[in-house]
Amino acid sequence: MNEKLKPLVAAARKAEMTPTDRENQRISFAYGNTAIENDRITREMIRSEAKRLATMKADGEKEE
């Protein structure tokens, strides 16, 4: 591993993500993977679906 990279990796291992950070990372991951297959997908579409699924989960509903 590159010597300049080692301290950055060590710091990243100790970093703790907030729930907001984790959700933003999850949305970014979903967007990146879906936009490759369909260029009509937007980040807002991913965010909207994430909110809908979170609401369904909170209400105890099952996915359609």
Protein backbone atom coordinates (compact mmCIF):
# COMPACT_ATOMS: atom_id res chain seq x y z
CA MET A 1 0.00 0.00 0.00
CA ASN A 2 1.19 3.51 -0.78
CA GLU A 3 2.84 5.14 2.27
CA LYS A 4 0.71 8.30 1.87
CA LEU A 5 -2.43 6.19 1.85
CA LYS A 6 -1.72 4.20 5.03
CA PRO A 7 -2.54 7.01 7.54
CA LEU A 8 -5.73 7.84 5.64
CA VAL A 9 -6.88 4.23 5.75
CA ALA A 10 -6.05 4.04 9.47
CA ALA A 11 -8.08 7.19 10.13
CA ALA A 12 -10.99 5.88 8.06
CA ARG A 13 -11.08 2.70 10.15
CA LYS A 14 -11.62 4.77 13.30
CA ALA A 15 -14.22 7.12 11.80
CA GLU A 16 -17.78 6.61 12.93
CA MET A 17 -20.61 7.45 10.59
CA THR A 18 -23.72 9.19 11.83
CA PRO A 19 -27.08 7.76 10.79
CA THR A 20 -27.35 10.64 8.30
CA ASP A 21 -23.91 9.85 6.87
CA ARG A 22 -24.87 6.19 6.56
CA GLU A 23 -28.15 7.01 4.81
CA ASN A 24 -26.41 9.38 2.39
CA GLN A 25 -23.83 6.68 1.63
CA ARG A 26 -26.58 4.12 1.08
CA ILE A 27 -28.42 6.44 -1.31
CA SER A 28 -25.21 7.25 -3.17
CA PHE A 29 -24.46 3.53 -3.55
CA ALA A 30 -27.98 2.79 -4.81
CA TYR A 31 -27.86 5.70 -7.25
CA GLY A 32 -24.44 4.72 -8.58
CA ASN A 33 -25.51 1.15 -9.21
CA THR A 34 -28.91 1.92 -10.76
CA ALA A 35 -27.81 4.88 -12.88
CA ILE A 36 -25.33 2.62 -14.67
CA GLU A 37 -28.21 0.53 -15.98
CA ASN A 38 -30.75 3.33 -16.47
CA ASP A 39 -29.63 6.90 -17.12
CA ARG A 40 -33.13 8.20 -16.35
CA ILE A 41 -32.65 7.41 -12.64
CA THR A 42 -32.03 10.49 -10.50
CA ARG A 43 -30.73 10.89 -6.97
CA GLU A 44 -34.08 12.41 -6.05
CA MET A 45 -35.86 9.25 -7.26
CA ILE A 46 -33.59 7.14 -5.05
CA ARG A 47 -34.11 9.47 -2.06
CA SER A 48 -37.89 9.41 -2.55
CA GLU A 49 -37.99 5.61 -2.71
CA ALA A 50 -35.76 5.33 0.37
CA LYS A 51 -38.18 7.55 2.30
CA ARG A 52 -41.17 5.53 1.10
CA LEU A 53 -39.54 2.26 2.13
CA ALA A 54 -38.54 3.68 5.53
CA THR A 55 -42.14 4.78 6.12
CA MET A 56 -43.43 1.34 5.12
CA LYS A 57 -40.96 -0.32 7.49
CA ALA A 58 -41.96 1.98 10.35
CA ASP A 59 -45.64 1.22 9.69
CA GLY A 60 -44.98 -2.53 9.52
CA GLU A 61 -46.05 -2.80 5.88
CA LYS A 62 -44.50 -5.21 3.41
CA GLU A 63 -42.89 -4.13 0.13
CA GLU A 64 -45.04 -4.42 -2.95
